[in-house]
Amino acid sequence: ISADGRTDLVDSVKGRFAISRDAVKKTVYLQMNTLEPEDT
């Protein structure tokens, strides 16, 4: 995720994962849904 919020995800996680950021907290998050064994 860029400073202006533009995101890019690898094809295998598109639709399942989401990346976000909080400028105040200086934090990046990765929300992972519908996890698969291959995500290990």
PDB file of all heavy atoms in Angstrom:
ATOM      1  N   ILE A   1       0.857  -1.185   0.000  1.00  0.00           N
ATOM      2  CA  ILE A   1       0.000   0.000   0.000  1.00  0.00           C
ATOM      3  C   ILE A   1       0.890   1.230   0.000  1.00  0.00           C
ATOM      4  O   ILE A   1       1.822   1.352   0.793  1.00  0.00           O
ATOM      5  CB  ILE A   1      -0.978  -0.010   1.195  1.00  0.00           C
ATOM      6  CG1 ILE A   1      -1.894   1.210   1.156  1.00  0.00           C
ATOM      7  CG2 ILE A   1      -0.240  -0.117   2.520  1.00  0.00           C
ATOM      8  CD1 ILE A   1      -3.078   1.098   2.121  1.00  0.00           C
ATOM      9  N   SER A   2       0.611   2.143  -0.900  1.00  0.00           N
ATOM     10  CA  SER A   2       1.389   3.358  -1.021  1.00  0.00           C
ATOM     11  C   SER A   2       0.925   4.393  -0.011  1.00  0.00           C
ATOM     12  O   SER A   2      -0.079   4.229   0.673  1.00  0.00           O
ATOM     13  CB  SER A   2       1.274   3.919  -2.436  1.00  0.00           C
ATOM     14  OG  SER A   2      -0.043   4.353  -2.694  1.00  0.00           O
ATOM     15  N   ALA A   3       1.659   5.498   0.065  1.00  0.00           N
ATOM     16  CA  ALA A   3       1.318   6.554   1.011  1.00  0.00           C
ATOM     17  C   ALA A   3      -0.043   7.169   0.721  1.00  0.00           C
ATOM     18  O   ALA A   3      -0.715   7.646   1.643  1.00  0.00           O
ATOM     19  CB  ALA A   3       2.395   7.632   0.999  1.00  0.00           C
ATOM     20  N   ASP A   4      -0.455   7.171  -0.539  1.00  0.00           N
ATOM     21  CA  ASP A   4      -1.759   7.724  -0.888  1.00  0.00           C
ATOM     22  C   ASP A   4      -2.872   6.683  -0.862  1.00  0.00           C
ATOM     23  O   ASP A   4      -4.004   6.981  -1.255  1.00  0.00           O
ATOM     24  CB  ASP A   4      -1.708   8.423  -2.249  1.00  0.00           C
ATOM     25  CG  ASP A   4      -1.417   7.474  -3.392  1.00  0.00           C
ATOM     26  OD1 ASP A   4      -1.246   6.266  -3.154  1.00  0.00           O
ATOM     27  OD2 ASP A   4      -1.359   7.949  -4.547  1.00  0.00           O
ATOM     28  N   GLY A   5      -2.560   5.461  -0.418  1.00  0.00           N
ATOM     29  CA  GLY A   5      -3.577   4.450  -0.229  1.00  0.00           C
ATOM     30  C   GLY A   5      -3.795   3.494  -1.382  1.00  0.00           C
ATOM     31  O   GLY A   5      -4.697   2.650  -1.314  1.00  0.00           O
ATOM     32  N   ARG A   6      -3.016   3.606  -2.419  1.00  0.00           N
ATOM     33  CA  ARG A   6      -3.140   2.676  -3.543  1.00  0.00           C
ATOM     34  C   ARG A   6      -2.609   1.310  -3.129  1.00  0.00           C
ATOM     35  O   ARG A   6      -1.511   1.195  -2.586  1.00  0.00           O
ATOM     36  CB  ARG A   6      -2.370   3.187  -4.758  1.00  0.00           C
ATOM     37  CG  ARG A   6      -2.606   2.354  -6.006  1.00  0.00           C
ATOM     38  CD  ARG A   6      -1.902   2.944  -7.207  1.00  0.00           C
ATOM     39  NE  ARG A   6      -0.471   2.751  -7.140  1.00  0.00           N
ATOM     40  CZ  ARG A   6       0.407   3.690  -6.834  1.00  0.00           C
ATOM     41  NH1 ARG A   6      -0.011   4.923  -6.567  1.00  0.00           N
ATOM     42  NH2 ARG A   6       1.693   3.418  -6.801  1.00  0.00           N
ATOM     43  N   THR A   7      -3.381   0.260  -3.392  1.00  0.00           N
ATOM     44  CA  THR A   7      -3.023  -1.085  -2.953  1.00  0.00           C
ATOM     45  C   THR A   7      -2.713  -1.996  -4.131  1.00  0.00           C
ATOM     46  O   THR A   7      -3.191  -1.796  -5.248  1.00  0.00           O
ATOM     47  CB  THR A   7      -4.140  -1.721  -2.112  1.00  0.00           C
ATOM     48  OG1 THR A   7      -5.325  -1.851  -2.905  1.00  0.00           O
ATOM     49  CG2 THR A   7      -4.445  -0.864  -0.900  1.00  0.00           C
ATOM     50  N   ASP A   8      -1.924  -3.010  -3.845  1.00  0.00           N
ATOM     51  CA  ASP A   8      -1.593  -4.027  -4.819  1.00  0.00           C
ATOM     52  C   ASP A   8      -1.497  -5.353  -4.079  1.00  0.00           C
ATOM     53  O   ASP A   8      -0.832  -5.432  -3.048  1.00  0.00           O
ATOM     54  CB  ASP A   8      -0.277  -3.695  -5.514  1.00  0.00           C
ATOM     55  CG  ASP A   8      -0.018  -4.565  -6.732  1.00  0.00           C
ATOM     56  OD1 ASP A   8      -0.957  -5.199  -7.224  1.00  0.00           O
ATOM     57  OD2 ASP A   8       1.141  -4.608  -7.196  1.00  0.00           O
ATOM     58  N   LEU A   9      -2.158  -6.378  -4.600  1.00  0.00           N
ATOM     59  CA  LEU A   9      -2.168  -7.687  -3.967  1.00  0.00           C
ATOM     60  C   LEU A   9      -1.820  -8.756  -4.985  1.00  0.00           C
ATOM     61  O   LEU A   9      -2.192  -8.648  -6.165  1.00  0.00           O
ATOM     62  CB  LEU A   9      -3.536  -8.010  -3.362  1.00  0.00           C
ATOM     63  CG  LEU A   9      -3.969  -7.225  -2.117  1.00  0.00           C
ATOM     64  CD1 LEU A   9      -4.638  -5.922  -2.502  1.00  0.00           C
ATOM     65  CD2 LEU A   9      -4.910  -8.062  -1.261  1.00  0.00           C
ATOM     66  N   VAL A  10      -1.133  -9.774  -4.528  1.00  0.00           N
ATOM     67  CA  VAL A  10      -0.824 -10.894  -5.397  1.00  0.00           C
ATOM     68  C   VAL A  10      -2.127 -11.616  -5.746  1.00  0.00           C
ATOM     69  O   VAL A  10      -3.084 -11.628  -4.967  1.00  0.00           O
ATOM     70  CB  VAL A  10       0.182 -11.843  -4.717  1.00  0.00           C
ATOM     71  CG1 VAL A  10      -0.451 -12.552  -3.532  1.00  0.00           C
ATOM     72  CG2 VAL A  10       0.750 -12.839  -5.700  1.00  0.00           C
ATOM     73  N   ASP A  11      -2.170 -12.194  -6.938  1.00  0.00           N
ATOM     74  CA  ASP A  11      -3.413 -12.782  -7.437  1.00  0.00           C
ATOM     75  C   ASP A  11      -4.015 -13.816  -6.483  1.00  0.00           C
ATOM     76  O   ASP A  11      -5.245 -13.899  -6.349  1.00  0.00           O
ATOM     77  CB  ASP A  11      -3.185 -13.423  -8.804  1.00  0.00           C
ATOM     78  CG  ASP A  11      -3.013 -12.412  -9.907  1.00  0.00           C
ATOM     79  OD1 ASP A  11      -3.353 -11.235  -9.697  1.00  0.00           O
ATOM     80  OD2 ASP A  11      -2.541 -12.797 -10.989  1.00  0.00           O
ATOM     81  N   SER A  12      -3.182 -14.596  -5.829  1.00  0.00           N
ATOM     82  CA  SER A  12      -3.677 -15.684  -5.003  1.00  0.00           C
ATOM     83  C   SER A  12      -4.445 -15.220  -3.768  1.00  0.00           C
ATOM     84  O   SER A  12      -5.151 -16.021  -3.152  1.00  0.00           O
ATOM     85  CB  SER A  12      -2.521 -16.594  -4.574  1.00  0.00           C
ATOM     86  OG  SER A  12      -1.575 -15.884  -3.803  1.00  0.00           O
ATOM     87  N   VAL A  13      -4.321 -13.949  -3.395  1.00  0.00           N
ATOM     88  CA  VAL A  13      -5.023 -13.455  -2.218  1.00  0.00           C
ATOM     89  C   VAL A  13      -6.059 -12.397  -2.545  1.00  0.00           C
ATOM     90  O   VAL A  13      -6.778 -11.944  -1.643  1.00  0.00           O
ATOM     91  CB  VAL A  13      -4.046 -12.907  -1.158  1.00  0.00           C
ATOM     92  CG1 VAL A  13      -2.982 -13.944  -0.823  1.00  0.00           C
ATOM     93  CG2 VAL A  13      -3.405 -11.605  -1.627  1.00  0.00           C
ATOM     94  N   LYS A  14      -6.172 -12.008  -3.797  1.00  0.00           N
ATOM     95  CA  LYS A  14      -7.167 -11.012  -4.180  1.00  0.00           C
ATOM     96  C   LYS A  14      -8.570 -11.514  -3.870  1.00  0.00           C
ATOM     97  O   LYS A  14      -8.912 -12.653  -4.149  1.00  0.00           O
ATOM     98  CB  LYS A  14      -7.046 -10.682  -5.669  1.00  0.00           C
ATOM     99  CG  LYS A  14      -5.836  -9.846  -6.020  1.00  0.00           C
ATOM    100  CD  LYS A  14      -5.786  -9.531  -7.507  1.00  0.00           C
ATOM    101  CE  LYS A  14      -4.590  -8.663  -7.836  1.00  0.00           C
ATOM    102  NZ  LYS A  14      -4.474  -8.400  -9.284  1.00  0.00           N
ATOM    103  N   GLY A  15      -9.363 -10.642  -3.274  1.00  0.00           N
ATOM    104  CA  GLY A  15     -10.703 -11.017  -2.875  1.00  0.00           C
ATOM    105  C   GLY A  15     -10.782 -11.631  -1.496  1.00  0.00           C
ATOM    106  O   GLY A  15     -11.881 -11.771  -0.954  1.00  0.00           O
ATOM    107  N   ARG A  16      -9.643 -11.995  -0.925  1.00  0.00           N
ATOM    108  CA  ARG A  16      -9.612 -12.595   0.407  1.00  0.00           C
ATOM    109  C   ARG A  16      -8.863 -11.725   1.418  1.00  0.00           C
ATOM    110  O   ARG A  16      -9.257 -11.643   2.577  1.00  0.00           O
ATOM    111  CB  ARG A  16      -8.961 -13.977   0.361  1.00  0.00           C
ATOM    112  CG  ARG A  16      -9.680 -14.975  -0.536  1.00  0.00           C
ATOM    113  CD  ARG A  16      -9.112 -16.383  -0.376  1.00  0.00           C
ATOM    114  NE  ARG A  16      -7.699 -16.456  -0.744  1.00  0.00           N
ATOM    115  CZ  ARG A  16      -6.722 -16.793   0.087  1.00  0.00           C
ATOM    116  NH1 ARG A  16      -6.995 -17.096   1.353  1.00  0.00           N
ATOM    117  NH2 ARG A  16      -5.461 -16.856  -0.342  1.00  0.00           N
ATOM    118  N   PHE A  17      -7.781 -11.105   0.981  1.00  0.00           N
ATOM    119  CA  PHE A  17      -6.971 -10.272   1.864  1.00  0.00           C
ATOM    120  C   PHE A  17      -7.204  -8.801   1.549  1.00  0.00           C
ATOM    121  O   PHE A  17      -7.555  -8.437   0.418  1.00  0.00           O
ATOM    122  CB  PHE A  17      -5.483 -10.561   1.689  1.00  0.00           C
ATOM    123  CG  PHE A  17      -5.025 -11.904   2.182  1.00  0.00           C
ATOM    124  CD1 PHE A  17      -5.916 -12.887   2.572  1.00  0.00           C
ATOM    125  CD2 PHE A  17      -3.668 -12.176   2.251  1.00  0.00           C
ATOM    126  CE1 PHE A  17      -5.485 -14.123   3.022  1.00  0.00           C
ATOM    127  CE2 PHE A  17      -3.216 -13.404   2.696  1.00  0.00           C
ATOM    128  CZ  PHE A  17      -4.120 -14.378   3.083  1.00  0.00           C
ATOM    129  N   ALA A  18      -6.975  -7.961   2.532  1.00  0.00           N
ATOM    130  CA  ALA A  18      -7.019  -6.522   2.343  1.00  0.00           C
ATOM    131  C   ALA A  18      -5.922  -5.874   3.162  1.00  0.00           C
ATOM    132  O   ALA A  18      -5.711  -6.231   4.321  1.00  0.00           O
ATOM    133  CB  ALA A  18      -8.386  -5.966   2.740  1.00  0.00           C
ATOM    134  N   ILE A  19      -5.226  -4.949   2.559  1.00  0.00           N
ATOM    135  CA  ILE A  19      -4.180  -4.214   3.251  1.00  0.00           C
ATOM    136  C   ILE A  19      -4.660  -2.787   3.491  1.00  0.00           C
ATOM    137  O   ILE A  19      -5.326  -2.192   2.639  1.00  0.00           O
ATOM    138  CB  ILE A  19      -2.854  -4.240   2.450  1.00  0.00           C
ATOM    139  CG1 ILE A  19      -1.722  -3.601   3.248  1.00  0.00           C
ATOM    140  CG2 ILE A  19      -3.026  -3.598   1.081  1.00  0.00           C
ATOM    141  CD1 ILE A  19      -0.348  -3.809   2.624  1.00  0.00           C
ATOM    142  N   SER A  20      -4.334  -2.247   4.649  1.00  0.00           N
ATOM    143  CA  SER A  20      -4.727  -0.893   4.989  1.00  0.00           C
ATOM    144  C   SER A  20      -3.659  -0.273   5.877  1.00  0.00           C
ATOM    145  O   SER A  20      -2.775  -0.971   6.388  1.00  0.00           O
ATOM    146  CB  SER A  20      -6.094  -0.865   5.682  1.00  0.00           C
ATOM    147  OG  SER A  20      -6.069  -1.609   6.887  1.00  0.00           O
ATOM    148  N   ARG A  21      -3.753   1.035   6.067  1.00  0.00           N
ATOM    149  CA  ARG A  21      -2.764   1.712   6.898  1.00  0.00           C
ATOM    150  C   ARG A  21      -3.412   2.821   7.704  1.00  0.00           C
ATOM    151  O   ARG A  21      -4.439   3.385   7.308  1.00  0.00           O
ATOM    152  CB  ARG A  21      -1.607   2.263   6.048  1.00  0.00           C
ATOM    153  CG  ARG A  21      -2.007   3.303   5.020  1.00  0.00           C
ATOM    154  CD  ARG A  21      -0.866   3.578   4.046  1.00  0.00           C
ATOM    155  NE  ARG A  21       0.219   4.339   4.655  1.00  0.00           N
ATOM    156  CZ  ARG A  21       1.438   4.472   4.126  1.00  0.00           C
ATOM    157  NH1 ARG A  21       1.734   3.852   2.981  1.00  0.00           N
ATOM    158  NH2 ARG A  21       2.351   5.203   4.750  1.00  0.00           N
ATOM    159  N   ASP A  22      -2.797   3.131   8.829  1.00  0.00           N
ATOM    160  CA  ASP A  22      -3.231   4.182   9.727  1.00  0.00           C
ATOM    161  C   ASP A  22      -2.044   5.112   9.913  1.00  0.00           C
ATOM    162  O   ASP A  22      -1.051   4.740  10.544  1.00  0.00           O
ATOM    163  CB  ASP A  22      -3.683   3.601  11.064  1.00  0.00           C
ATOM    164  CG  ASP A  22      -4.258   4.638  12.004  1.00  0.00           C
ATOM    165  OD1 ASP A  22      -3.720   5.756  12.084  1.00  0.00           O
ATOM    166  OD2 ASP A  22      -5.261   4.321  12.681  1.00  0.00           O
ATOM    167  N   ALA A  23      -2.136   6.307   9.356  1.00  0.00           N
ATOM    168  CA  ALA A  23      -1.009   7.235   9.382  1.00  0.00           C
ATOM    169  C   ALA A  23      -0.688   7.703  10.798  1.00  0.00           C
ATOM    170  O   ALA A  23       0.483   7.864  11.158  1.00  0.00           O
ATOM    171  CB  ALA A  23      -1.306   8.431   8.485  1.00  0.00           C
ATOM    172  N   VAL A  24      -1.722   7.931  11.608  1.00  0.00           N
ATOM    173  CA  VAL A  24      -1.504   8.407  12.966  1.00  0.00           C
ATOM    174  C   VAL A  24      -0.782   7.362  13.802  1.00  0.00           C
ATOM    175  O   VAL A  24       0.149   7.670  14.548  1.00  0.00           O
ATOM    176  CB  VAL A  24      -2.836   8.802  13.631  1.00  0.00           C
ATOM    177  CG1 VAL A  24      -2.614   9.173  15.087  1.00  0.00           C
ATOM    178  CG2 VAL A  24      -3.479   9.944  12.878  1.00  0.00           C
ATOM    179  N   LYS A  25      -1.204   6.119  13.688  1.00  0.00           N
ATOM    180  CA  LYS A  25      -0.600   5.035  14.452  1.00  0.00           C
ATOM    181  C   LYS A  25       0.662   4.482  13.805  1.00  0.00           C
ATOM    182  O   LYS A  25       1.341   3.645  14.410  1.00  0.00           O
ATOM    183  CB  LYS A  25      -1.602   3.899  14.637  1.00  0.00           C
ATOM    184  CG  LYS A  25      -2.814   4.268  15.461  1.00  0.00           C
ATOM    185  CD  LYS A  25      -3.750   3.075  15.615  1.00  0.00           C
ATOM    186  CE  LYS A  25      -4.951   3.423  16.455  1.00  0.00           C
ATOM    187  NZ  LYS A  25      -5.893   2.272  16.591  1.00  0.00           N
ATOM    188  N   LYS A  26       0.982   4.944  12.598  1.00  0.00           N
ATOM    189  CA  LYS A  26       2.131   4.427  11.849  1.00  0.00           C
ATOM    190  C   LYS A  26       2.054   2.910  11.763  1.00  0.00           C
ATOM    191  O   LYS A  26       3.025   2.195  12.033  1.00  0.00           O
ATOM    192  CB  LYS A  26       3.444   4.871  12.487  1.00  0.00           C
ATOM    193  CG  LYS A  26       3.641   6.375  12.532  1.00  0.00           C
ATOM    194  CD  LYS A  26       5.006   6.725  13.111  1.00  0.00           C
ATOM    195  CE  LYS A  26       5.233   8.227  13.166  1.00  0.00           C
ATOM    196  NZ  LYS A  26       4.307   8.904  14.110  1.00  0.00           N
ATOM    197  N   THR A  27       0.903   2.429  11.363  1.00  0.00           N
ATOM    198  CA  THR A  27       0.618   1.007  11.377  1.00  0.00           C
ATOM    199  C   THR A  27       0.049   0.546  10.046  1.00  0.00           C
ATOM    200  O   THR A  27      -0.752   1.252   9.432  1.00  0.00           O
ATOM    201  CB  THR A  27      -0.373   0.675  12.503  1.00  0.00           C
ATOM    202  OG1 THR A  27       0.203   1.026  13.766  1.00  0.00           O
ATOM    203  CG2 THR A  27      -0.726  -0.804  12.505  1.00  0.00           C
ATOM    204  N   VAL A  28       0.461  -0.626   9.631  1.00  0.00           N
ATOM    205  CA  VAL A  28      -0.115  -1.289   8.472  1.00  0.00           C
ATOM    206  C   VAL A  28      -0.792  -2.569   8.938  1.00  0.00           C
ATOM    207  O   VAL A  28      -0.301  -3.252   9.842  1.00  0.00           O
ATOM    208  CB  VAL A  28       0.948  -1.587   7.391  1.00  0.00           C
ATOM    209  CG1 VAL A  28       2.039  -2.514   7.920  1.00  0.00           C
ATOM    210  CG2 VAL A  28       0.301  -2.168   6.143  1.00  0.00           C
ATOM    211  N   TYR A  29      -1.929  -2.878   8.334  1.00  0.00           N
ATOM    212  CA  TYR A  29      -2.699  -4.057   8.684  1.00  0.00           C
ATOM    213  C   TYR A  29      -2.836  -4.968   7.471  1.00  0.00           C
ATOM    214  O   TYR A  29      -2.845  -4.515   6.326  1.00  0.00           O
ATOM    215  CB  TYR A  29      -4.102  -3.688   9.160  1.00  0.00           C
ATOM    216  CG  TYR A  29      -4.137  -2.739  10.327  1.00  0.00           C
ATOM    217  CD1 TYR A  29      -4.261  -1.369  10.130  1.00  0.00           C
ATOM    218  CD2 TYR A  29      -4.056  -3.210  11.638  1.00  0.00           C
ATOM    219  CE1 TYR A  29      -4.300  -0.491  11.199  1.00  0.00           C
ATOM    220  CE2 TYR A  29      -4.093  -2.336  12.708  1.00  0.00           C
ATOM    221  CZ  TYR A  29      -4.214  -0.980  12.489  1.00  0.00           C
ATOM    222  OH  TYR A  29      -4.253  -0.115  13.561  1.00  0.00           O
ATOM    223  N   LEU A  30      -2.954  -6.242   7.742  1.00  0.00           N
ATOM    224  CA  LEU A  30      -3.319  -7.201   6.716  1.00  0.00           C
ATOM    225  C   LEU A  30      -4.493  -8.011   7.239  1.00  0.00           C
ATOM    226  O   LEU A  30      -4.323  -8.848   8.133  1.00  0.00           O
ATOM    227  CB  LEU A  30      -2.151  -8.124   6.360  1.00  0.00           C
ATOM    228  CG  LEU A  30      -2.412  -9.083   5.202  1.00  0.00           C
ATOM    229  CD1 LEU A  30      -2.587  -8.308   3.889  1.00  0.00           C
ATOM    230  CD2 LEU A  30      -1.294 -10.104   5.065  1.00  0.00           C
ATOM    231  N   GLN A  31      -5.673  -7.738   6.710  1.00  0.00           N
ATOM    232  CA  GLN A  31      -6.862  -8.500   7.061  1.00  0.00           C
ATOM    233  C   GLN A  31      -6.935  -9.710   6.143  1.00  0.00           C
ATOM    234  O   GLN A  31      -7.017  -9.555   4.921  1.00  0.00           O
ATOM    235  CB  GLN A  31      -8.116  -7.643   6.916  1.00  0.00           C
ATOM    236  CG  GLN A  31      -9.412  -8.377   7.232  1.00  0.00           C
ATOM    237  CD  GLN A  31      -9.513  -8.784   8.682  1.00  0.00           C
ATOM    238  OE1 GLN A  31      -9.282  -7.972   9.577  1.00  0.00           O
ATOM    239  NE2 GLN A  31      -9.837 -10.050   8.923  1.00  0.00           N
ATOM    240  N   MET A  32      -6.910 -10.885   6.723  1.00  0.00           N
ATOM    241  CA  MET A  32      -6.881 -12.126   5.967  1.00  0.00           C
ATOM    242  C   MET A  32      -8.164 -12.897   6.243  1.00  0.00           C
ATOM    243  O   MET A  32      -8.405 -13.326   7.372  1.00  0.00           O
ATOM    244  CB  MET A  32      -5.665 -12.967   6.337  1.00  0.00           C
ATOM    245  CG  MET A  32      -4.334 -12.231   6.168  1.00  0.00           C
ATOM    246  SD  MET A  32      -2.907 -13.286   6.499  1.00  0.00           S
ATOM    247  CE  MET A  32      -3.137 -13.565   8.255  1.00  0.00           C
ATOM    248  N   ASN A  33      -8.975 -13.060   5.215  1.00  0.00           N
ATOM    249  CA  ASN A  33     -10.229 -13.791   5.312  1.00  0.00           C
ATOM    250  C   ASN A  33     -10.184 -15.033   4.433  1.00  0.00           C
ATOM    251  O   ASN A  33      -9.365 -15.130   3.520  1.00  0.00           O
ATOM    252  CB  ASN A  33     -11.406 -12.906   4.895  1.00  0.00           C
ATOM    253  CG  ASN A  33     -11.559 -11.682   5.749  1.00  0.00           C
ATOM    254  OD1 ASN A  33     -11.352 -11.723   6.965  1.00  0.00           O
ATOM    255  ND2 ASN A  33     -11.941 -10.564   5.130  1.00  0.00           N
ATOM    256  N   THR A  34     -11.091 -15.951   4.711  1.00  0.00           N
ATOM    257  CA  THR A  34     -11.189 -17.187   3.939  1.00  0.00           C
ATOM    258  C   THR A  34      -9.812 -17.821   3.770  1.00  0.00           C
ATOM    259  O   THR A  34      -9.388 -18.167   2.664  1.00  0.00           O
ATOM    260  CB  THR A  34     -11.845 -16.926   2.574  1.00  0.00           C
ATOM    261  OG1 THR A  34     -12.929 -16.005   2.714  1.00  0.00           O
ATOM    262  CG2 THR A  34     -12.409 -18.229   1.993  1.00  0.00           C
ATOM    263  N   LEU A  35      -9.133 -17.969   4.878  1.00  0.00           N
ATOM    264  CA  LEU A  35      -7.766 -18.481   4.845  1.00  0.00           C
ATOM    265  C   LEU A  35      -7.719 -19.924   4.362  1.00  0.00           C
ATOM    266  O   LEU A  35      -8.622 -20.722   4.641  1.00  0.00           O
ATOM    267  CB  LEU A  35      -7.127 -18.370   6.221  1.00  0.00           C
ATOM    268  CG  LEU A  35      -6.642 -16.962   6.583  1.00  0.00           C
ATOM    269  CD1 LEU A  35      -6.471 -16.819   8.087  1.00  0.00           C
ATOM    270  CD2 LEU A  35      -5.331 -16.657   5.861  1.00  0.00           C
ATOM    271  N   GLU A  36      -6.673 -20.230   3.646  1.00  0.00           N
ATOM    272  CA  GLU A  36      -6.446 -21.551   3.080  1.00  0.00           C
ATOM    273  C   GLU A  36      -5.141 -22.120   3.626  1.00  0.00           C
ATOM    274  O   GLU A  36      -4.260 -21.368   4.029  1.00  0.00           O
ATOM    275  CB  GLU A  36      -6.375 -21.466   1.551  1.00  0.00           C
ATOM    276  CG  GLU A  36      -7.594 -20.839   0.911  1.00  0.00           C
ATOM    277  CD  GLU A  36      -7.404 -20.530  -0.552  1.00  0.00           C
ATOM    278  OE1 GLU A  36      -6.260 -20.651  -1.047  1.00  0.00           O
ATOM    279  OE2 GLU A  36      -8.403 -20.177  -1.212  1.00  0.00           O
ATOM    280  N   PRO A  37      -4.998 -23.446   3.635  1.00  0.00           N
ATOM    281  CA  PRO A  37      -3.732 -24.026   4.096  1.00  0.00           C
ATOM    282  C   PRO A  37      -2.519 -23.483   3.355  1.00  0.00           C
ATOM    283  O   PRO A  37      -1.436 -23.370   3.947  1.00  0.00           O
ATOM    284  CB  PRO A  37      -3.924 -25.526   3.832  1.00  0.00           C
ATOM    285  CG  PRO A  37      -5.394 -25.724   3.952  1.00  0.00           C
ATOM    286  CD  PRO A  37      -6.006 -24.478   3.372  1.00  0.00           C
ATOM    287  N   GLU A  38      -2.696 -23.124   2.100  1.00  0.00           N
ATOM    288  CA  GLU A  38      -1.609 -22.576   1.298  1.00  0.00           C
ATOM    289  C   GLU A  38      -1.147 -21.210   1.789  1.00  0.00           C
ATOM    290  O   GLU A  38      -0.081 -20.738   1.380  1.00  0.00           O
ATOM    291  CB  GLU A  38      -2.019 -22.489  -0.174  1.00  0.00           C
ATOM    292  CG  GLU A  38      -2.211 -23.840  -0.859  1.00  0.00           C
ATOM    293  CD  GLU A  38      -3.502 -24.548  -0.451  1.00  0.00           C
ATOM    294  OE1 GLU A  38      -4.418 -23.886   0.082  1.00  0.00           O
ATOM    295  OE2 GLU A  38      -3.590 -25.779  -0.663  1.00  0.00           O
ATOM    296  N   ASP A  39      -1.931 -20.573   2.642  1.00  0.00           N
ATOM    297  CA  ASP A  39      -1.537 -19.293   3.218  1.00  0.00           C
ATOM    298  C   ASP A  39      -0.584 -19.448   4.392  1.00  0.00           C
ATOM    299  O   ASP A  39      -0.058 -18.453   4.896  1.00  0.00           O
ATOM    300  CB  ASP A  39      -2.772 -18.507   3.672  1.00  0.00           C
ATOM    301  CG  ASP A  39      -3.703 -18.153   2.528  1.00  0.00           C
ATOM    302  OD1 ASP A  39      -3.204 -17.732   1.467  1.00  0.00           O
ATOM    303  OD2 ASP A  39      -4.931 -18.293   2.705  1.00  0.00           O
ATOM    304  N   THR A  40      -0.375 -20.659   4.849  1.00  0.00           N
ATOM    305  CA  THR A  40       0.523 -20.906   5.973  1.00  0.00           C
ATOM    306  C   THR A  40       1.934 -20.437   5.640  1.00  0.00           C
ATOM    307  O   THR A  40       2.510 -20.841   4.629  1.00  0.00           O
ATOM    308  CB  THR A  40       0.540 -22.392   6.334  1.00  0.00           C
ATOM    309  OG1 THR A  40      -0.760 -22.785   6.789  1.00  0.00           O
ATOM    310  CG2 THR A  40       1.553 -22.675   7.432  1.00  0.00           C
TER     311      THR A  40
END
